[in-house]
Amino acid sequence: MSRGPTSCRVGFLVNPIAGMGGAVGLKGTDGRLYVEALKRGAKPVAPARALRFLSRLSEVCSCRIELLVAGSVMGCRYASEACLESYVCLDVPGSSETTREDTVRVVREFLRLGVDAIVFVGGDGTARDVLEASEGLVPVLGVPSGVKVYSSVFAVSPEAAADILSDYCRGEGALDVGEVVDVNEEALQNDALEIKPYGRVSTLSSGNLRVGTKEFGAAEDVEGLVEYFVSEVYRPGVLYILGPGSTTRAIATGLGVSKTLLGFDAVLDGRLVGKDLSAEDIKRLIATFKEVCVVLSIVGGQGYLIGRGNQQLTPEILKMIGKDRIMVVSSRGKLRRLRHVLVDTGDPDVDREFSGYYRVVTGFGEEYVVKALPASDPEALRSHQSPSGTPR
């Protein structure tokens, strides 16, 4: 690790379509999935995240940052809305219809202009493009906006990214090595998770404001958890909305139904009444059934409870559900490897509302109490040092 400069020239770019597929039940927006997301009525996510990053940066940065911003919807539009005092708007890209080639072109322009670091808003696909174009010549930092954010070059939230960059440019941050990974999009649409590493790159870091790489392939013992759910938790007449993950799929198997690995599915009285649900599907079910329980697992290695892979739970839907109707399940090992869990709903106010303590079922009659922190609150993240789970 090494400390950053006391001032710096930073390139900033936005993938404006990143994350659009989440709420409509898609697993990404790369390639043809973007067209499908539009057909399903998907709304942009990245612009709001870019604004949150830039607004926080203007609040916390006490050093000189020369911000070089990609043109139009890839950056300058949001810099203008954020009322930044000083930034340079580049001429690339030349169109509002952006592609991965535009990302590559912008990054290469950043390098030509001699940036010290590159900050991008997007997901794993954007991270791959930035890695390819930058060739590891400068450190990078991701502002999370994608449906899948499995690489370890991302801050935990836009606000955390602003704090990391500010620390680095003051000489108080550090450089670390981050891993860029991505999934096979075609396999994802067939409900299979295939992960490929694409390389490592220098990344900015400060405290616990950056995520690790998502854990894959570690089989965990959830047999007791499933038995406990089926025999002690499950009740007739209750609609169970099971979130993504292998743990919730094991629960579904225990209930005698087949569940999608990466989507939301609804079970009522031993029957599957909804499969691979979108936000609108979940909203209709919640409005229809009086008794509802949403069962969520935790993203291993990263600690997200809400906000990664389950963007179908929009802030509006979370308010309809309420914190008390969320049940959290996890293997013991996954939970013990986490310091805390994270809530990143896309709305800082809702992040705070759904933070606090949760009971996590880890086995037959076994629960841990875990603290969920708002990912949008860097001060809370910096101050929390205790282990994640406390057994009950």
Protein backbone atom coordinates (compact mmCIF):
# COMPACT_ATOMS: atom_id res chain seq x y z
CA MET A 1 0.00 0.00 0.00
CA SER A 2 1.09 3.57 -0.64
CA ARG A 3 -0.34 6.95 0.16
CA GLY A 4 -1.82 9.24 -2.45
CA PRO A 5 -0.82 12.76 -3.51
CA THR A 6 -1.81 15.99 -1.78
CA SER A 7 -3.63 17.10 -4.93
CA CYS A 8 -4.56 15.26 -8.08
CA ARG A 9 -5.99 15.24 -11.56
CA VAL A 10 -8.92 12.84 -11.75
CA GLY A 11 -10.86 11.50 -14.72
CA PHE A 12 -14.60 10.93 -14.11
CA LEU A 13 -17.00 9.02 -16.35
CA VAL A 14 -20.49 7.54 -16.10
CA ASN A 15 -22.03 4.54 -17.82
CA PRO A 16 -25.54 6.02 -18.05
CA ILE A 17 -27.32 2.68 -18.57
CA ALA A 18 -25.62 0.77 -15.75
CA GLY A 19 -28.07 -0.79 -13.30
CA MET A 20 -31.22 -0.24 -15.36
CA GLY A 21 -32.05 -3.94 -15.49
CA GLY A 22 -32.23 -4.53 -11.74
CA ALA A 23 -35.73 -3.34 -10.86
CA VAL A 24 -37.28 -5.00 -13.92
CA GLY A 25 -35.86 -8.42 -13.04
CA LEU A 26 -32.94 -8.55 -15.47
CA LYS A 27 -29.48 -9.52 -14.25
CA GLY A 28 -27.61 -6.79 -16.12
CA THR A 29 -27.83 -4.29 -18.98
CA ASP A 30 -24.87 -5.27 -21.13
CA GLY A 31 -25.46 -5.87 -24.83
CA ARG A 32 -28.98 -6.81 -25.88
CA LEU A 33 -30.19 -6.72 -22.26
CA TYR A 34 -30.31 -2.92 -22.47
CA VAL A 35 -32.98 -3.13 -25.19
CA GLU A 36 -34.93 -5.63 -23.12
CA ALA A 37 -34.67 -3.37 -20.05
CA LEU A 38 -36.18 -0.49 -22.05
CA LYS A 39 -39.03 -2.74 -23.22
CA ARG A 40 -39.80 -3.54 -19.58
CA GLY A 41 -39.93 0.13 -18.64
CA ALA A 42 -36.57 0.37 -16.89
CA LYS A 43 -35.48 3.78 -15.58
CA PRO A 44 -31.91 5.14 -15.40
CA VAL A 45 -30.04 4.53 -12.15
CA ALA A 46 -26.52 5.79 -12.80
CA PRO A 47 -27.34 9.53 -13.11
CA ALA A 48 -28.63 9.74 -9.54
CA ARG A 49 -25.59 7.84 -8.28
CA ALA A 50 -23.26 10.15 -10.19
CA LEU A 51 -24.97 13.18 -8.63
CA ARG A 52 -24.65 11.69 -5.15
CA PHE A 53 -20.93 11.12 -5.68
CA LEU A 54 -20.29 14.62 -7.03
CA SER A 55 -22.40 16.32 -4.36
CA ARG A 56 -20.61 14.49 -1.57
CA LEU A 57 -17.22 15.24 -3.14
CA SER A 58 -17.97 18.96 -3.16
CA GLU A 59 -18.85 18.72 0.57
CA VAL A 60 -15.90 16.72 1.89
CA CYS A 61 -12.97 17.52 -0.37
CA SER A 62 -10.54 19.93 1.27
CA CYS A 63 -7.79 19.51 -1.29
CA ARG A 64 -7.22 20.54 -4.88
CA ILE A 65 -8.83 18.12 -7.35
CA GLU A 66 -8.67 18.87 -11.04
CA LEU A 67 -11.68 16.97 -12.33
CA LEU A 68 -11.70 15.99 -16.01
CA VAL A 69 -15.24 14.90 -16.88
CA ALA A 70 -16.47 12.87 -19.86
CA GLY A 71 -18.90 14.72 -22.10
CA SER A 72 -22.71 14.78 -22.12
CA VAL A 73 -24.53 11.88 -20.39
CA MET A 74 -21.20 10.27 -19.52
CA GLY A 75 -20.39 12.99 -16.99
CA CYS A 76 -20.71 16.69 -17.78
CA ARG A 77 -24.47 16.76 -17.46
CA TYR A 78 -24.24 15.63 -13.84
CA ALA A 79 -21.28 17.87 -12.99
CA SER A 80 -23.40 20.81 -14.10
CA GLU A 81 -26.39 19.67 -12.02
CA ALA A 82 -24.17 19.16 -8.99
CA CYS A 83 -23.01 22.79 -9.27
CA LEU A 84 -19.33 21.91 -9.00
CA GLU A 85 -17.12 24.96 -8.75
CA SER A 86 -14.43 23.69 -11.07
CA TYR A 87 -14.20 20.93 -13.66
CA VAL A 88 -13.14 20.45 -17.27
CA CYS A 89 -15.70 19.01 -19.65
CA LEU A 90 -14.20 16.87 -22.42
CA ASP A 91 -15.50 16.60 -25.98
CA VAL A 92 -15.80 12.81 -25.85
CA PRO A 93 -18.09 11.04 -26.38
CA GLY A 94 -19.67 13.01 -29.21
CA SER A 95 -23.12 11.37 -28.92
CA SER A 96 -25.72 10.73 -26.23
CA GLU A 97 -26.07 7.12 -27.47
CA THR A 98 -23.13 5.62 -25.61
CA THR A 99 -21.39 2.27 -26.08
CA ARG A 100 -18.54 0.40 -24.43
CA GLU A 101 -16.29 1.84 -27.14
CA ASP A 102 -17.10 5.30 -25.78
CA THR A 103 -15.91 4.22 -22.33
CA VAL A 104 -12.66 2.96 -23.83
CA ARG A 105 -12.24 6.20 -25.82
CA VAL A 106 -12.85 8.39 -22.76
CA VAL A 107 -10.40 6.43 -20.61
CA ARG A 108 -7.70 6.71 -23.24
CA GLU A 109 -8.30 10.45 -23.40
CA PHE A 110 -7.89 10.60 -19.62
CA LEU A 111 -4.54 8.84 -19.96
CA ARG A 112 -3.42 11.19 -22.69
CA LEU A 113 -4.21 14.12 -20.40
CA GLY A 114 -2.19 12.63 -17.57
CA VAL A 115 -4.76 11.82 -14.87
CA ASP A 116 -3.62 10.44 -11.53
CA ALA A 117 -6.74 8.31 -11.06
CA ILE A 118 -9.99 7.38 -12.80
CA VAL A 119 -13.40 7.24 -11.08
CA PHE A 120 -16.25 5.59 -12.96
CA VAL A 121 -19.95 5.03 -12.29
CA GLY A 122 -21.13 1.59 -13.42
CA GLY A 123 -20.97 -2.12 -12.71
CA ASP A 124 -18.66 -5.02 -13.51
CA GLY A 125 -19.05 -4.57 -17.27
CA THR A 126 -17.89 -0.96 -16.99
CA ALA A 127 -15.02 -2.06 -14.75
CA ARG A 128 -13.89 -4.46 -17.48
CA ASP A 129 -13.94 -1.69 -20.08
CA VAL A 130 -11.99 0.68 -17.82
CA LEU A 131 -9.44 -2.05 -17.07
CA GLU A 132 -8.99 -2.80 -20.77
CA ALA A 133 -8.51 0.84 -21.74
CA SER A 134 -6.36 1.92 -18.80
CA GLU A 135 -4.05 -1.11 -19.02
CA GLY A 136 -3.34 -0.73 -15.31
CA LEU A 137 -1.44 2.52 -15.85
CA VAL A 138 -3.42 4.50 -13.22
CA PRO A 139 -5.48 3.52 -10.18
CA VAL A 140 -9.24 3.29 -10.59
CA LEU A 141 -12.27 3.46 -8.30
CA GLY A 142 -15.84 2.39 -9.05
CA VAL A 143 -19.01 4.12 -7.89
CA PRO A 144 -21.45 1.20 -7.70
CA SER A 145 -24.42 1.40 -10.06
CA GLY A 146 -24.64 -1.96 -11.81
CA VAL A 147 -27.06 -4.81 -11.22
CA LYS A 148 -24.06 -6.96 -10.40
CA VAL A 149 -21.10 -5.41 -8.63
CA TYR A 150 -18.87 -8.36 -7.81
CA SER A 151 -15.43 -6.80 -8.43
CA SER A 152 -13.36 -5.37 -5.57
CA VAL A 153 -12.61 -2.02 -7.22
CA PHE A 154 -15.88 -0.46 -6.01
CA ALA A 155 -16.63 1.77 -3.06
CA VAL A 156 -19.60 0.62 -0.99
CA SER A 157 -21.67 3.63 -2.13
CA PRO A 158 -21.36 6.92 -4.05
CA GLU A 159 -20.75 8.79 -0.80
CA ALA A 160 -18.03 6.34 0.23
CA ALA A 161 -16.37 6.77 -3.17
CA ALA A 162 -16.24 10.55 -2.66
CA ASP A 163 -14.62 10.09 0.76
CA ILE A 164 -12.07 7.62 -0.60
CA LEU A 165 -11.07 10.00 -3.40
CA SER A 166 -10.90 12.95 -1.03
CA ASP A 167 -8.68 11.01 1.38
CA TYR A 168 -6.43 9.88 -1.44
CA CYS A 169 -5.96 13.37 -2.87
CA ARG A 170 -5.15 14.71 0.62
CA GLY A 171 -2.46 12.07 0.98
CA GLU A 172 -4.43 10.19 3.66
CA GLY A 173 -5.78 7.36 1.54
CA ALA A 174 -3.99 4.38 0.11
CA LEU A 175 -3.52 2.29 -3.00
CA ASP A 176 -4.54 -1.34 -2.94
CA VAL A 177 -4.96 -4.14 -5.48
CA GLY A 178 -8.50 -4.77 -6.71
CA GLU A 179 -9.85 -7.65 -8.75
CA VAL A 180 -12.10 -7.17 -11.78
CA VAL A 181 -14.52 -10.04 -12.40
CA ASP A 182 -17.67 -10.39 -14.48
CA VAL A 183 -20.36 -12.92 -15.20
CA ASN A 184 -21.44 -14.68 -18.36
CA GLU A 185 -24.55 -12.68 -19.32
CA GLU A 186 -26.07 -15.46 -21.41
CA ALA A 187 -25.65 -17.96 -18.58
CA LEU A 188 -27.23 -15.46 -16.18
CA GLN A 189 -30.39 -15.33 -18.25
CA ASN A 190 -30.51 -19.13 -17.99
CA ASP A 191 -30.23 -18.85 -14.19
CA ALA A 192 -26.62 -20.02 -14.00
CA LEU A 193 -23.81 -18.07 -12.36
CA GLU A 194 -20.50 -18.30 -14.24
CA ILE A 195 -17.75 -15.96 -13.05
CA LYS A 196 -14.57 -15.09 -14.88
CA PRO A 197 -11.66 -13.02 -13.53
CA TYR A 198 -10.43 -10.40 -15.97
CA GLY A 199 -7.46 -9.00 -14.12
CA ARG A 200 -6.17 -6.97 -11.23
CA VAL A 201 -5.67 -3.24 -11.06
CA SER A 202 -4.47 -0.64 -8.60
CA THR A 203 -7.44 0.86 -6.79
CA LEU A 204 -8.04 3.59 -4.22
CA SER A 205 -8.81 2.57 -0.67
CA SER A 206 -9.61 4.12 2.69
CA GLY A 207 -10.66 2.20 5.78
CA ASN A 208 -13.60 -0.11 5.15
CA LEU A 209 -15.25 2.07 2.49
CA ARG A 210 -14.47 -0.32 -0.38
CA VAL A 211 -15.95 -3.77 -0.97
CA GLY A 212 -14.17 -7.07 -1.39
CA THR A 213 -14.74 -9.47 -4.27
CA LYS A 214 -17.95 -11.47 -3.95
CA GLU A 215 -17.38 -14.98 -2.64
CA PHE A 216 -18.05 -17.80 -5.09
CA GLY A 217 -18.00 -21.55 -4.94
CA ALA A 218 -17.73 -21.98 -1.17
CA ALA A 219 -20.35 -24.57 -0.28
CA GLU A 220 -21.85 -23.80 3.11
CA ASP A 221 -23.85 -26.08 5.40
CA VAL A 222 -27.44 -24.80 5.46
CA GLU A 223 -29.19 -28.12 6.13
CA GLY A 224 -30.15 -27.18 9.69
CA LEU A 225 -31.30 -23.73 8.59
CA VAL A 226 -33.57 -25.24 5.92
CA GLU A 227 -35.01 -27.80 8.34
CA TYR A 228 -35.71 -25.05 10.87
CA PHE A 229 -37.43 -22.84 8.29
CA VAL A 230 -39.63 -25.64 6.98
CA SER A 231 -40.63 -27.07 10.36
CA GLU A 232 -40.66 -24.03 12.66
CA VAL A 233 -40.93 -20.84 10.60
CA TYR A 234 -43.11 -21.65 7.60
CA ARG A 235 -46.84 -21.03 8.13
CA PRO A 236 -49.83 -21.68 5.84
CA GLY A 237 -51.53 -18.58 4.47
CA VAL A 238 -48.34 -16.48 4.50
CA LEU A 239 -46.85 -15.32 1.21
CA TYR A 240 -43.08 -15.88 1.30
CA ILE A 241 -41.09 -13.82 -1.19
CA LEU A 242 -37.71 -15.52 -1.44
CA GLY A 243 -34.79 -13.36 -2.55
CA PRO A 244 -31.81 -14.39 -4.69
CA GLY A 245 -29.11 -16.81 -3.63
CA SER A 246 -28.24 -20.43 -3.02
CA THR A 247 -29.42 -20.31 0.61
CA THR A 248 -32.94 -19.16 -0.29
CA ARG A 249 -33.02 -21.68 -3.14
CA ALA A 250 -32.20 -24.43 -0.63
CA ILE A 251 -35.15 -23.23 1.47
CA ALA A 252 -37.41 -23.39 -1.59
CA THR A 253 -36.25 -26.94 -2.29
CA GLY A 254 -37.09 -27.82 1.31
CA LEU A 255 -40.58 -26.45 0.71
CA GLY A 256 -40.92 -28.61 -2.39
CA VAL A 257 -40.71 -25.87 -5.03
CA SER A 258 -38.13 -24.98 -7.69
CA LYS A 259 -36.62 -21.52 -7.28
CA THR A 260 -34.58 -19.30 -9.59
CA LEU A 261 -31.04 -18.79 -8.30
CA LEU A 262 -30.76 -15.07 -9.02
CA GLY A 263 -34.33 -13.83 -8.90
CA PHE A 264 -37.22 -13.28 -6.50
CA ASP A 265 -39.85 -16.04 -6.27
CA ALA A 266 -43.09 -16.18 -4.28
CA VAL A 267 -44.38 -19.24 -2.39
CA LEU A 268 -47.83 -19.64 -0.84
CA ASP A 269 -49.08 -22.83 0.82
CA GLY A 270 -46.42 -24.96 -0.81
CA ARG A 271 -47.07 -23.58 -4.31
CA LEU A 272 -44.95 -21.31 -6.45
CA VAL A 273 -47.20 -18.32 -7.21
CA GLY A 274 -44.60 -16.04 -8.81
CA LYS A 275 -41.23 -16.65 -10.46
CA ASP A 276 -38.33 -14.29 -11.28
CA LEU A 277 -40.36 -11.31 -10.11
CA SER A 278 -39.83 -7.70 -11.16
CA ALA A 279 -40.37 -4.76 -8.82
CA GLU A 280 -43.88 -4.30 -10.21
CA ASP A 281 -44.66 -8.00 -9.65
CA ILE A 282 -43.54 -7.75 -6.02
CA LYS A 283 -45.53 -4.57 -5.54
CA ARG A 284 -48.72 -6.25 -6.77
CA LEU A 285 -48.21 -9.27 -4.52
CA ILE A 286 -47.61 -7.14 -1.44
CA ALA A 287 -50.78 -5.18 -2.17
CA THR A 288 -52.77 -8.40 -2.66
CA PHE A 289 -51.74 -10.49 0.35
CA LYS A 290 -52.17 -9.44 3.96
CA GLU A 291 -49.42 -11.61 5.44
CA VAL A 292 -46.10 -11.31 3.64
CA CYS A 293 -42.56 -12.30 4.62
CA VAL A 294 -39.55 -11.35 2.49
CA VAL A 295 -36.62 -13.74 2.99
CA LEU A 296 -33.19 -12.36 2.14
CA SER A 297 -29.66 -13.71 2.29
CA ILE A 298 -26.39 -11.78 2.43
CA VAL A 299 -23.88 -11.32 -0.37
CA GLY A 300 -20.87 -13.32 0.75
CA GLY A 301 -17.56 -11.46 0.93
CA GLN A 302 -19.23 -8.07 0.43
CA GLY A 303 -21.90 -8.05 3.10
CA TYR A 304 -24.81 -6.45 1.24
CA LEU A 305 -28.21 -7.27 2.67
CA ILE A 306 -30.11 -4.87 0.40
CA GLY A 307 -28.79 -3.29 -2.79
CA ARG A 308 -26.77 -5.94 -4.63
CA GLY A 309 -28.59 -8.46 -6.80
CA ASN A 310 -31.95 -7.57 -5.21
CA GLN A 311 -32.66 -4.14 -6.71
CA GLN A 312 -36.23 -5.31 -7.30
CA LEU A 313 -36.69 -4.12 -3.71
CA THR A 314 -36.97 -0.46 -4.64
CA PRO A 315 -37.21 2.20 -1.92
CA GLU A 316 -40.97 2.41 -2.57
CA ILE A 317 -41.42 -1.33 -2.12
CA LEU A 318 -39.24 -1.43 0.98
CA LYS A 319 -41.47 1.19 2.59
CA MET A 320 -44.50 -0.95 1.73
CA ILE A 321 -42.88 -4.03 3.26
CA GLY A 322 -41.39 -2.48 6.39
CA LYS A 323 -38.33 -3.73 8.21
CA ASP A 324 -40.32 -6.08 10.45
CA ARG A 325 -41.44 -8.22 7.51
CA ILE A 326 -37.88 -8.97 6.36
CA MET A 327 -36.32 -12.24 7.50
CA VAL A 328 -32.57 -12.72 7.05
CA VAL A 329 -30.95 -16.13 6.57
CA SER A 330 -27.28 -17.01 6.17
CA SER A 331 -24.76 -19.78 6.69
CA ARG A 332 -22.68 -19.35 9.85
CA GLY A 333 -19.42 -19.14 7.92
CA LYS A 334 -20.56 -16.36 5.60
CA LEU A 335 -21.80 -14.24 8.50
CA ARG A 336 -18.71 -14.74 10.64
CA ARG A 337 -16.49 -13.47 7.85
CA LEU A 338 -18.27 -10.10 7.83
CA ARG A 339 -17.73 -7.14 10.14
CA HIS A 340 -21.23 -5.82 9.45
CA VAL A 341 -23.82 -5.92 6.69
CA LEU A 342 -24.79 -3.11 4.31
CA VAL A 343 -27.98 -1.45 3.12
CA ASP A 344 -27.77 0.43 -0.18
CA THR A 345 -31.31 1.04 -1.43
CA GLY A 346 -30.55 3.94 -3.76
CA ASP A 347 -32.15 6.40 -1.32
CA PRO A 348 -30.01 7.51 1.67
CA ASP A 349 -33.11 8.17 3.80
CA VAL A 350 -34.38 4.62 3.20
CA ASP A 351 -30.86 3.30 3.87
CA ARG A 352 -31.08 4.78 7.35
CA GLU A 353 -34.64 3.51 7.87
CA PHE A 354 -33.62 -0.08 7.08
CA SER A 355 -30.35 -0.03 8.99
CA GLY A 356 -30.02 -1.19 12.58
CA TYR A 357 -30.13 -4.68 14.03
CA TYR A 358 -31.47 -7.82 12.36
CA ARG A 359 -31.84 -11.37 13.58
CA VAL A 360 -30.18 -13.77 11.17
CA VAL A 361 -31.20 -17.44 11.15
CA THR A 362 -28.07 -19.57 10.67
CA GLY A 363 -29.18 -23.05 11.76
CA PHE A 364 -31.85 -25.04 13.55
CA GLY A 365 -32.92 -22.76 16.42
CA GLU A 366 -29.73 -20.75 15.96
CA GLU A 367 -29.78 -16.99 15.40
CA TYR A 368 -27.21 -14.23 15.32
CA VAL A 369 -27.84 -10.54 15.76
CA VAL A 370 -26.18 -8.48 13.05
CA LYS A 371 -25.86 -4.75 12.60
CA ALA A 372 -26.81 -3.33 9.21
CA LEU A 373 -25.16 -0.03 8.31
CA PRO A 374 -26.29 2.50 5.69
CA ALA A 375 -23.78 2.27 2.84
CA SER A 376 -24.47 5.95 2.09
CA ASP A 377 -23.09 7.05 5.49
CA PRO A 378 -19.25 6.90 5.42
CA GLU A 379 -18.98 8.17 8.99
CA ALA A 380 -21.03 5.23 10.28
CA LEU A 381 -18.93 2.80 8.27
CA ARG A 382 -15.65 4.23 9.53
CA SER A 383 -16.71 4.12 13.17
CA HIS A 384 -18.04 0.56 13.21
CA GLN A 385 -15.32 -1.95 14.02
CA SER A 386 -17.07 -4.78 15.89
CA PRO A 387 -17.65 -8.23 14.36
CA SER A 388 -20.86 -8.66 12.40
CA GLY A 389 -22.66 -11.45 14.17
CA THR A 390 -23.44 -11.87 17.83
CA PRO A 391 -25.03 -15.25 18.74
CA ARG A 392 -28.29 -15.34 20.62
